[in-house]
Amino acid sequence: MTAVGAATRGARSTAVTWQVTARRGSTPVTGWPVVWLLAGYPLWWALGMGQFAYWLFAVPMLAELVRRHRTVGLRVPPWFWLWALFLVWTVLGLALVTVEMPGTVPGSGGYPGAVLRVINYLVLTVVMLYVGNLTERELPVRLVAWSLAVLCLVTIAGGYLGMLAPTFEFTAPLEYLMPGALVSDPYMQTLIHPASAQIMDIFGYESARPKAPWEYTNIWGYMISLLLVWLMVAWVIQGTGLARWGALVAAGVSVAPIVYSLNRALWAGLMLSLAFGAAQALRRGRVVLVGAGAVAMVALSLTLALSPLADVVRERADNPHSDDGRAATNAASVEAADLSPVVGWGTTREGQGSSDSIAIGPSAECPGCGQHVIGNAGQLWMTLIASGWVGTALFVAFFAVVAWRYRAAVTVVGQGALLTVLLLFWYMFFYVALMSPLAVTMIAVALLWRVEEPLVAGRRATRAGGVW
């Protein structure tokens, strides 16, 4: 029994080492690629690198993992084999990229997008293993949370840029270095050309929806939802003084671009995050905190109701805009998975016609007709068409097992990371997670593994010793 108690105390000591800052003269912090990748993202966006910055920093991360594998050995998170199998499935799906799928535009698949997707998954695997294998002295967990909080402030600033200067854009240095044919590709333009907003016709007139520093306004919405979690963790809960109050002010002013993004799934996702936070606080017995939070939410809701933002919300509710198109393409993703349930079709396809017309291609009379991309309305639908039912089951199962294993997270970082993973199960129906949102989710998996796994091991050791 004494041995079990010692093991449990040792596990708890390991789990909270993220609270200790590395002392001078100790092992140097080698996790600089993570800090530069996250906190420096505005620079990579301005250079035109965007999501390709993950590729760049994955190189030193992979080199460190190889070195570790040769010296002290490489660790992987529990149930990693599910994710490894999913990676295998994405590669197997490449064999079907050129196969014509019934009901789609011939030749609308193609290897570039499929290979790009596989590389992105591999890169994010490297990021997860890198964050998970480094020690607290090499990469303090607090530093990772701080970097994500900085990225949150950048995203809020980008939201205001999209609101106040919706036509702002410029030619990035990377565009001058790439071949003209590649730069002119619409999808590549979205990835490498910095712009502040997406101009879309939702209310019968053009509306600016913030997206900087991300590729799409939906990605902006997904990212602000995830990063607000880490702003709360790093600078509100763990922070003190001006940092704490500054973070609270930043969270408050983020409401305006969040409303003007017109992202209904984002609005619901924020409500789910608040409910999760309230449940965690109640579990810790912090009833007063929950009550104060409820009062603050009521005050905020009343303020919004009396402001012009309320009109935007009501008008968005009255204009569903893309619901029919999403329903049609999502149903097509399910049909695609039914036709090739094991490995899918390797990549997305363009559907022949749409919910508005069987015409191939939009026209002046029917701008919503034809050639809608099947699988671009959410991570779940993209995975269904690209990897089939089996590949999708592997993808979902990995994150479900992670969430279940660490469902009793007790540290602040662990609870923030758990919420980050859980939000995937909401947003996967509406937004594509690849690349940046899934990167944050994979980092959260690594943090759960580092911070909460010793506690899980301690609880299991306690049960095995007959102590409850």
Protein backbone atom coordinates (compact mmCIF):
# COMPACT_ATOMS: atom_id res chain seq x y z
CA MET A 1 0.00 0.00 0.00
CA THR A 2 2.92 2.33 0.73
CA ALA A 3 4.39 1.55 -2.67
CA VAL A 4 1.09 2.31 -4.36
CA GLY A 5 0.84 5.63 -2.51
CA ALA A 6 4.38 6.51 -3.55
CA ALA A 7 3.58 5.66 -7.16
CA THR A 8 0.48 7.83 -7.07
CA ARG A 9 2.35 10.74 -5.49
CA GLY A 10 5.08 10.35 -8.09
CA ALA A 11 2.53 10.38 -10.88
CA ARG A 12 0.90 13.53 -9.53
CA SER A 13 4.28 15.19 -9.18
CA THR A 14 5.05 14.40 -12.80
CA ALA A 15 1.64 15.61 -13.94
CA VAL A 16 2.05 19.07 -12.48
CA THR A 17 5.62 19.68 -13.60
CA TRP A 18 4.20 21.99 -16.28
CA GLN A 19 3.84 24.55 -13.50
CA VAL A 20 7.59 24.74 -13.01
CA THR A 21 9.66 26.95 -15.26
CA ALA A 22 12.98 25.55 -16.42
CA ARG A 23 15.85 26.95 -14.38
CA ARG A 24 18.84 28.65 -15.88
CA GLY A 25 21.66 26.29 -16.58
CA SER A 26 19.33 23.32 -17.00
CA THR A 27 18.60 21.47 -20.21
CA PRO A 28 18.02 24.14 -22.88
CA VAL A 29 14.56 24.61 -24.33
CA THR A 30 14.67 22.70 -27.64
CA GLY A 31 10.99 23.16 -28.44
CA TRP A 32 11.55 26.44 -30.30
CA PRO A 33 9.94 25.14 -33.54
CA VAL A 34 6.56 24.93 -31.78
CA VAL A 35 6.84 28.45 -30.36
CA TRP A 36 7.97 29.96 -33.66
CA LEU A 37 5.29 28.09 -35.58
CA LEU A 38 2.40 29.21 -33.38
CA ALA A 39 3.39 32.64 -32.05
CA GLY A 40 5.08 33.54 -35.33
CA TYR A 41 2.18 32.53 -37.56
CA PRO A 42 1.34 36.14 -38.61
CA LEU A 43 4.77 36.34 -40.22
CA TRP A 44 4.33 33.06 -42.08
CA TRP A 45 0.90 34.22 -43.25
CA ALA A 46 2.32 37.51 -44.51
CA LEU A 47 5.08 35.66 -46.36
CA GLY A 48 2.45 33.55 -48.11
CA MET A 49 3.47 30.34 -46.39
CA GLY A 50 0.29 29.88 -44.36
CA GLN A 51 -0.25 26.20 -43.68
CA PHE A 52 3.03 25.35 -45.41
CA ALA A 53 4.76 26.74 -42.32
CA TYR A 54 3.80 23.47 -40.63
CA TRP A 55 5.84 21.66 -43.27
CA LEU A 56 8.84 23.92 -42.68
CA PHE A 57 8.93 23.45 -38.91
CA ALA A 58 8.14 19.75 -39.18
CA VAL A 59 11.66 19.27 -40.59
CA PRO A 60 13.58 20.14 -37.36
CA MET A 61 10.84 18.40 -35.36
CA LEU A 62 11.31 15.20 -37.35
CA ALA A 63 15.09 15.46 -37.02
CA GLU A 64 14.72 15.68 -33.24
CA LEU A 65 12.36 12.69 -33.19
CA VAL A 66 14.82 10.63 -35.21
CA ARG A 67 17.65 11.60 -32.86
CA ARG A 68 15.51 10.66 -29.87
CA HIS A 69 14.54 7.34 -31.40
CA ARG A 70 18.23 6.46 -31.76
CA THR A 71 19.23 7.57 -28.27
CA VAL A 72 16.47 7.30 -25.65
CA GLY A 73 13.67 5.80 -27.71
CA LEU A 74 10.48 7.32 -29.12
CA ARG A 75 7.19 7.22 -27.20
CA VAL A 76 3.73 7.25 -28.72
CA PRO A 77 0.40 8.08 -27.04
CA PRO A 78 -1.99 5.30 -26.00
CA TRP A 79 -4.05 3.88 -28.87
CA PHE A 80 -1.72 5.51 -31.38
CA TRP A 81 -2.15 2.45 -33.58
CA LEU A 82 -5.62 3.75 -34.51
CA TRP A 83 -4.12 6.93 -35.92
CA ALA A 84 -1.30 4.97 -37.60
CA LEU A 85 -3.88 2.79 -39.34
CA PHE A 86 -5.74 5.89 -40.46
CA LEU A 87 -2.51 7.18 -42.03
CA VAL A 88 -2.13 3.87 -43.85
CA TRP A 89 -5.73 4.21 -45.07
CA THR A 90 -5.10 7.68 -46.48
CA VAL A 91 -2.16 6.30 -48.47
CA LEU A 92 -4.16 3.30 -49.71
CA GLY A 93 -6.87 5.65 -50.90
CA LEU A 94 -4.45 7.21 -53.39
CA ALA A 95 -4.92 4.13 -55.55
CA LEU A 96 -8.51 5.20 -56.27
CA VAL A 97 -7.87 8.86 -57.05
CA THR A 98 -8.07 8.32 -60.82
CA VAL A 99 -11.08 5.97 -60.64
CA GLU A 100 -14.20 7.67 -61.94
CA MET A 101 -16.87 7.98 -59.26
CA PRO A 102 -20.50 7.75 -60.41
CA GLY A 103 -22.37 11.05 -60.38
CA THR A 104 -19.27 13.25 -60.35
CA VAL A 105 -17.48 15.35 -62.95
CA PRO A 106 -14.88 13.15 -64.71
CA GLY A 107 -11.32 14.07 -63.77
CA SER A 108 -12.39 16.26 -60.85
CA GLY A 109 -10.29 14.30 -58.37
CA GLY A 110 -6.61 14.53 -59.12
CA TYR A 111 -3.44 13.65 -57.25
CA PRO A 112 -2.26 17.13 -56.13
CA GLY A 113 -5.03 17.63 -53.57
CA ALA A 114 -4.93 14.00 -52.45
CA VAL A 115 -1.16 13.96 -51.94
CA LEU A 116 -1.30 17.35 -50.21
CA ARG A 117 -3.85 15.93 -47.76
CA VAL A 118 -1.69 12.89 -46.98
CA ILE A 119 1.38 15.06 -46.41
CA ASN A 120 -0.60 17.32 -44.08
CA TYR A 121 -1.71 14.36 -41.96
CA LEU A 122 1.88 13.11 -41.76
CA VAL A 123 3.16 16.57 -40.81
CA LEU A 124 0.60 16.88 -38.02
CA THR A 125 1.60 13.45 -36.76
CA VAL A 126 5.17 14.73 -36.44
CA VAL A 127 3.92 17.80 -34.54
CA MET A 128 1.94 15.67 -32.10
CA LEU A 129 4.81 13.25 -31.43
CA TYR A 130 7.27 16.12 -31.06
CA VAL A 131 5.21 17.97 -28.44
CA GLY A 132 4.47 14.71 -26.63
CA ASN A 133 8.04 13.43 -26.48
CA LEU A 134 9.79 16.58 -25.26
CA THR A 135 10.31 16.96 -21.54
CA GLU A 136 9.04 19.83 -19.44
CA ARG A 137 12.48 21.46 -19.43
CA GLU A 138 12.80 21.14 -23.19
CA LEU A 139 9.31 22.45 -23.96
CA PRO A 140 7.32 23.73 -20.96
CA VAL A 141 3.61 23.09 -21.28
CA ARG A 142 3.00 26.62 -20.07
CA LEU A 143 5.00 27.91 -23.05
CA VAL A 144 2.85 25.93 -25.49
CA ALA A 145 -0.32 27.34 -23.91
CA TRP A 146 1.18 30.84 -24.04
CA SER A 147 1.96 30.46 -27.75
CA LEU A 148 -1.61 29.38 -28.48
CA ALA A 149 -2.88 32.39 -26.51
CA VAL A 150 -0.72 34.72 -28.61
CA LEU A 151 -2.18 33.12 -31.73
CA CYS A 152 -5.64 33.82 -30.31
CA LEU A 153 -4.85 37.54 -30.03
CA VAL A 154 -3.61 37.50 -33.62
CA THR A 155 -6.83 35.85 -34.76
CA ILE A 156 -8.94 38.47 -32.94
CA ALA A 157 -6.89 41.23 -34.57
CA GLY A 158 -7.37 39.53 -37.93
CA GLY A 159 -11.10 39.51 -37.30
CA TYR A 160 -11.11 43.28 -36.85
CA LEU A 161 -8.95 43.70 -39.95
CA GLY A 162 -11.58 41.79 -41.92
CA MET A 163 -14.35 43.98 -40.48
CA LEU A 164 -12.67 47.35 -40.93
CA ALA A 165 -10.70 46.71 -44.13
CA PRO A 166 -12.55 43.89 -45.90
CA THR A 167 -10.78 44.44 -49.24
CA PHE A 168 -7.29 44.41 -47.73
CA GLU A 169 -4.96 41.99 -49.53
CA PHE A 170 -1.46 41.93 -50.92
CA THR A 171 0.88 39.80 -52.95
CA ALA A 172 3.00 37.66 -50.67
CA PRO A 173 6.71 37.10 -51.34
CA LEU A 174 6.08 33.40 -51.94
CA GLU A 175 3.80 34.25 -54.86
CA TYR A 176 6.73 35.88 -56.69
CA LEU A 177 8.79 32.71 -56.29
CA MET A 178 6.22 30.18 -57.51
CA PRO A 179 5.41 29.30 -61.13
CA GLY A 180 2.63 31.40 -62.63
CA ALA A 181 0.43 28.40 -63.42
CA LEU A 182 0.56 27.30 -59.80
CA VAL A 183 -0.05 30.77 -58.41
CA SER A 184 -3.10 31.25 -60.62
CA ASP A 185 -4.76 28.07 -59.33
CA PRO A 186 -7.78 29.20 -57.24
CA TYR A 187 -7.13 26.77 -54.41
CA MET A 188 -3.44 27.64 -54.23
CA GLN A 189 -4.36 31.32 -54.27
CA THR A 190 -6.46 30.76 -51.16
CA LEU A 191 -3.50 29.15 -49.40
CA ILE A 192 -0.74 31.61 -50.26
CA HIS A 193 -2.45 34.97 -50.95
CA PRO A 194 -3.01 37.01 -47.76
CA ALA A 195 -6.45 38.63 -47.55
CA SER A 196 -8.48 39.98 -44.67
CA ALA A 197 -11.97 38.69 -45.47
CA GLN A 198 -14.21 36.63 -47.70
CA ILE A 199 -16.78 38.71 -49.56
CA MET A 200 -19.95 36.63 -49.85
CA ASP A 201 -23.56 37.20 -50.84
CA ILE A 202 -25.60 35.87 -47.93
CA PHE A 203 -28.25 38.56 -47.29
CA GLY A 204 -28.86 39.47 -50.92
CA TYR A 205 -25.90 41.84 -50.85
CA GLU A 206 -22.18 41.45 -50.33
CA SER A 207 -21.02 40.85 -46.76
CA ALA A 208 -17.43 40.80 -45.50
CA ARG A 209 -16.68 37.79 -43.33
CA PRO A 210 -13.31 37.99 -41.47
CA LYS A 211 -10.74 35.31 -42.20
CA ALA A 212 -7.24 36.71 -41.50
CA PRO A 213 -4.78 35.16 -40.83
CA TRP A 214 -6.45 31.96 -42.06
CA GLU A 215 -7.56 30.66 -45.44
CA TYR A 216 -11.34 30.79 -45.03
CA THR A 217 -13.80 32.43 -42.70
CA ASN A 218 -14.93 28.99 -41.52
CA ILE A 219 -11.36 28.19 -40.53
CA TRP A 220 -11.20 31.55 -38.76
CA GLY A 221 -14.31 30.59 -36.80
CA TYR A 222 -12.97 27.16 -35.90
CA MET A 223 -9.64 28.61 -34.82
CA ILE A 224 -11.07 31.43 -32.69
CA SER A 225 -13.22 28.87 -30.89
CA LEU A 226 -10.22 26.65 -30.10
CA LEU A 227 -7.80 29.45 -29.30
CA LEU A 228 -10.14 31.25 -26.92
CA VAL A 229 -9.89 28.12 -24.78
CA TRP A 230 -6.13 28.58 -24.56
CA LEU A 231 -6.39 32.31 -23.96
CA MET A 232 -8.49 31.46 -20.90
CA VAL A 233 -6.10 28.71 -19.79
CA ALA A 234 -2.82 30.57 -20.26
CA TRP A 235 -3.65 34.17 -19.41
CA VAL A 236 -6.88 34.18 -17.41
CA ILE A 237 -6.72 31.08 -15.20
CA GLN A 238 -2.93 30.82 -15.00
CA GLY A 239 -2.21 34.50 -15.55
CA THR A 240 -2.09 37.34 -13.05
CA GLY A 241 -2.52 41.10 -12.99
CA LEU A 242 -2.58 42.92 -16.30
CA ALA A 243 -2.21 39.75 -18.34
CA ARG A 244 -5.40 38.33 -16.86
CA TRP A 245 -7.44 41.50 -17.32
CA GLY A 246 -6.03 42.08 -20.79
CA ALA A 247 -7.05 38.56 -21.83
CA LEU A 248 -10.56 39.10 -20.48
CA VAL A 249 -10.85 42.34 -22.44
CA ALA A 250 -9.57 40.60 -25.58
CA ALA A 251 -12.13 37.83 -25.15
CA GLY A 252 -14.85 40.44 -24.74
CA VAL A 253 -13.95 42.43 -27.85
CA SER A 254 -13.75 39.22 -29.90
CA VAL A 255 -17.56 39.17 -29.86
CA ALA A 256 -17.87 41.67 -32.72
CA PRO A 257 -15.84 39.76 -35.35
CA ILE A 258 -17.38 36.50 -34.11
CA VAL A 259 -20.84 37.88 -34.89
CA TYR A 260 -19.79 39.38 -38.23
CA SER A 261 -18.20 36.08 -39.27
CA LEU A 262 -21.81 34.83 -39.62
CA ASN A 263 -20.61 31.38 -38.53
CA ARG A 264 -23.59 29.76 -36.85
CA ALA A 265 -21.65 26.62 -35.95
CA LEU A 266 -19.09 28.85 -34.22
CA TRP A 267 -21.81 30.52 -32.15
CA ALA A 268 -23.14 27.14 -31.03
CA GLY A 269 -19.60 25.86 -30.41
CA LEU A 270 -18.89 28.73 -28.04
CA MET A 271 -22.04 27.88 -26.10
CA LEU A 272 -20.84 24.27 -25.83
CA SER A 273 -17.45 25.50 -24.56
CA LEU A 274 -19.12 27.64 -21.90
CA ALA A 275 -21.24 24.68 -20.81
CA PHE A 276 -18.11 22.52 -20.54
CA GLY A 277 -16.34 25.18 -18.49
CA ALA A 278 -19.32 25.51 -16.15
CA ALA A 279 -19.49 21.73 -15.68
CA GLN A 280 -15.78 21.57 -14.83
CA ALA A 281 -16.12 24.42 -12.35
CA LEU A 282 -19.11 22.76 -10.67
CA ARG A 283 -17.16 19.52 -10.48
CA ARG A 284 -14.53 21.40 -8.50
CA GLY A 285 -17.20 22.91 -6.26
CA ARG A 286 -16.75 26.46 -7.57
CA VAL A 287 -20.41 27.40 -7.45
CA VAL A 288 -19.71 31.08 -6.88
CA LEU A 289 -17.52 31.20 -10.00
CA VAL A 290 -20.26 29.60 -12.10
CA GLY A 291 -22.81 32.05 -10.69
CA ALA A 292 -20.59 35.01 -11.48
CA GLY A 293 -20.05 33.66 -14.98
CA ALA A 294 -23.80 33.27 -15.49
CA VAL A 295 -24.39 36.88 -14.40
CA ALA A 296 -21.67 38.04 -16.78
CA MET A 297 -23.26 36.10 -19.65
CA VAL A 298 -26.67 37.59 -18.95
CA ALA A 299 -25.15 41.08 -18.93
CA LEU A 300 -23.31 40.36 -22.19
CA SER A 301 -26.47 38.98 -23.80
CA LEU A 302 -28.45 42.08 -22.82
CA THR A 303 -25.69 44.30 -24.19
CA LEU A 304 -25.71 42.41 -27.48
CA ALA A 305 -29.51 42.55 -27.68
CA LEU A 306 -29.37 46.35 -27.47
CA SER A 307 -26.54 46.67 -29.98
CA PRO A 308 -26.48 46.52 -33.82
CA LEU A 309 -24.93 43.04 -33.50
CA ALA A 310 -28.35 41.65 -32.60
CA ASP A 311 -29.66 42.67 -36.03
CA VAL A 312 -26.82 40.74 -37.68
CA VAL A 313 -27.66 37.61 -35.70
CA ARG A 314 -31.37 37.85 -36.52
CA GLU A 315 -30.70 38.46 -40.21
CA ARG A 316 -28.33 35.48 -40.32
CA ALA A 317 -30.98 33.28 -38.71
CA ASP A 318 -33.45 34.38 -41.38
CA ASN A 319 -31.00 33.61 -44.20
CA PRO A 320 -29.73 30.01 -43.96
CA HIS A 321 -27.92 30.56 -47.29
CA SER A 322 -25.85 27.38 -47.71
CA ASP A 323 -28.03 24.85 -45.88
CA ASP A 324 -29.46 23.18 -49.01
CA GLY A 325 -26.09 22.96 -50.71
CA ARG A 326 -24.45 21.53 -47.59
CA ALA A 327 -27.19 18.93 -47.18
CA ALA A 328 -26.80 17.84 -50.81
CA THR A 329 -23.01 17.52 -50.70
CA ASN A 330 -23.08 15.80 -47.31
CA ALA A 331 -25.56 13.24 -48.64
CA ALA A 332 -23.26 12.75 -51.62
CA SER A 333 -20.34 12.08 -49.24
CA VAL A 334 -22.36 9.34 -47.55
CA GLU A 335 -23.25 7.84 -50.94
CA ALA A 336 -19.58 7.95 -51.92
CA ALA A 337 -18.63 6.07 -48.76
CA ASP A 338 -21.35 3.50 -49.46
CA LEU A 339 -19.93 2.92 -52.96
CA SER A 340 -16.37 2.47 -51.64
CA PRO A 341 -16.70 1.74 -47.90
CA VAL A 342 -13.21 0.36 -47.23
CA VAL A 343 -10.76 2.96 -48.57
CA GLY A 344 -13.00 5.61 -50.09
CA TRP A 345 -12.03 7.47 -53.24
CA GLY A 346 -8.72 8.99 -52.16
CA THR A 347 -9.86 12.59 -52.45
CA THR A 348 -12.87 14.85 -52.96
CA ARG A 349 -14.83 15.12 -56.21
CA GLU A 350 -17.04 17.68 -57.93
CA GLY A 351 -20.67 16.62 -58.11
CA GLN A 352 -22.67 16.81 -61.33
CA GLY A 353 -25.38 19.35 -60.67
CA SER A 354 -26.57 20.46 -57.26
CA SER A 355 -29.68 20.76 -55.15
CA ASP A 356 -30.76 23.64 -57.42
CA SER A 357 -30.21 22.08 -60.82
CA ILE A 358 -28.69 19.14 -62.67
CA ALA A 359 -26.79 21.63 -64.81
CA ILE A 360 -23.02 21.24 -64.84
CA GLY A 361 -21.58 24.57 -63.79
CA PRO A 362 -23.08 27.80 -62.46
CA SER A 363 -24.79 30.33 -64.68
CA ALA A 364 -26.09 33.88 -64.42
CA GLU A 365 -29.60 32.54 -63.88
CA CYS A 366 -28.50 29.89 -61.38
CA PRO A 367 -25.24 30.88 -59.62
CA GLY A 368 -25.64 28.01 -57.12
CA CYS A 369 -25.90 25.32 -59.78
CA GLY A 370 -23.43 22.62 -60.52
CA GLN A 371 -19.99 21.35 -59.65
CA HIS A 372 -20.15 21.68 -55.88
CA VAL A 373 -17.22 19.94 -54.22
CA ILE A 374 -18.31 16.81 -52.37
CA GLY A 375 -16.64 16.62 -48.97
CA ASN A 376 -15.72 20.27 -48.41
CA ALA A 377 -18.52 20.98 -45.90
CA GLY A 378 -16.82 19.38 -42.89
CA GLN A 379 -14.02 17.09 -41.76
CA LEU A 380 -16.44 14.18 -41.36
CA TRP A 381 -17.74 14.46 -44.93
CA MET A 382 -14.27 14.91 -46.41
CA THR A 383 -12.98 11.86 -44.57
CA LEU A 384 -15.98 9.80 -45.71
CA ILE A 385 -15.38 10.39 -49.41
CA ALA A 386 -11.58 10.29 -49.16
CA SER A 387 -11.17 7.31 -46.80
CA GLY A 388 -14.52 5.49 -46.72
CA TRP A 389 -16.36 4.20 -43.69
CA VAL A 390 -13.37 2.26 -42.38
CA GLY A 391 -10.96 5.18 -42.61
CA THR A 392 -13.52 7.51 -41.05
CA ALA A 393 -14.09 5.07 -38.19
CA LEU A 394 -10.34 4.99 -37.51
CA PHE A 395 -10.12 8.80 -37.56
CA VAL A 396 -13.06 9.31 -35.21
CA ALA A 397 -12.10 6.39 -32.96
CA PHE A 398 -8.64 7.79 -32.24
CA PHE A 399 -9.95 11.09 -30.90
CA ALA A 400 -12.89 9.39 -29.15
CA VAL A 401 -10.53 7.06 -27.28
CA VAL A 402 -8.28 10.00 -26.33
CA ALA A 403 -11.26 11.96 -24.99
CA TRP A 404 -12.55 8.95 -23.06
CA ARG A 405 -9.16 8.06 -21.59
CA TYR A 406 -8.63 11.58 -20.25
CA ARG A 407 -12.28 12.39 -19.47
CA ALA A 408 -11.39 12.90 -15.80
CA ALA A 409 -8.70 15.51 -16.53
CA VAL A 410 -7.89 17.39 -13.34
CA THR A 411 -5.24 19.91 -14.39
CA VAL A 412 -6.22 23.19 -16.03
CA VAL A 413 -4.13 22.42 -19.10
CA GLY A 414 -5.61 18.93 -19.28
CA GLN A 415 -9.16 20.28 -19.15
CA GLY A 416 -8.41 22.85 -21.84
CA ALA A 417 -6.87 20.17 -24.03
CA LEU A 418 -9.83 17.85 -23.44
CA LEU A 419 -12.25 20.57 -24.53
CA THR A 420 -10.15 21.18 -27.64
CA VAL A 421 -10.43 17.51 -28.60
CA LEU A 422 -14.16 17.38 -27.81
CA LEU A 423 -14.88 20.37 -30.04
CA LEU A 424 -13.69 18.31 -33.00
CA PHE A 425 -16.80 16.17 -32.66
CA TRP A 426 -18.99 19.24 -33.11
CA TYR A 427 -17.13 21.11 -35.80
CA MET A 428 -16.41 18.06 -37.98
CA PHE A 429 -20.02 18.28 -39.21
CA PHE A 430 -19.52 21.86 -40.46
CA TYR A 431 -15.85 22.77 -40.93
CA VAL A 432 -12.85 21.01 -42.44
CA ALA A 433 -10.25 20.67 -39.66
CA LEU A 434 -7.23 20.20 -41.90
CA MET A 435 -4.82 22.05 -41.47
CA SER A 436 -4.60 24.53 -38.60
CA PRO A 437 -7.60 23.42 -36.47
CA LEU A 438 -6.42 19.83 -36.59
CA ALA A 439 -2.90 21.00 -35.70
CA VAL A 440 -4.22 22.61 -32.52
CA THR A 441 -6.22 19.46 -31.79
CA MET A 442 -3.15 17.25 -32.22
CA ILE A 443 -1.15 19.53 -29.93
CA ALA A 444 -3.98 19.16 -27.40
CA VAL A 445 -3.71 15.37 -27.69
CA ALA A 446 0.02 15.63 -26.97
CA LEU A 447 -0.59 17.87 -23.94
CA LEU A 448 -3.20 15.47 -22.56
CA TRP A 449 -0.73 12.66 -22.99
CA ARG A 450 2.04 14.57 -21.22
CA VAL A 451 0.03 16.10 -18.39
CA GLU A 452 -2.75 13.61 -17.64
CA GLU A 453 -1.24 10.22 -18.51
CA PRO A 454 0.78 10.01 -15.25
CA LEU A 455 -2.44 10.60 -13.31
CA VAL A 456 -4.23 7.91 -15.29
CA ALA A 457 -1.35 5.53 -14.56
CA GLY A 458 -1.48 6.49 -10.89
CA ARG A 459 -5.20 5.79 -10.63
CA ARG A 460 -4.77 2.44 -12.31
CA ALA A 461 -1.92 1.55 -9.99
CA THR A 462 -4.12 2.46 -7.04
CA ARG A 463 -6.95 0.24 -8.27
CA ALA A 464 -4.54 -2.60 -8.96
CA GLY A 465 -3.28 -2.33 -5.38
CA GLY A 466 -6.78 -2.62 -4.01
CA VAL A 467 -7.00 0.98 -2.84
CA TRP A 468 -10.02 3.01 -4.02
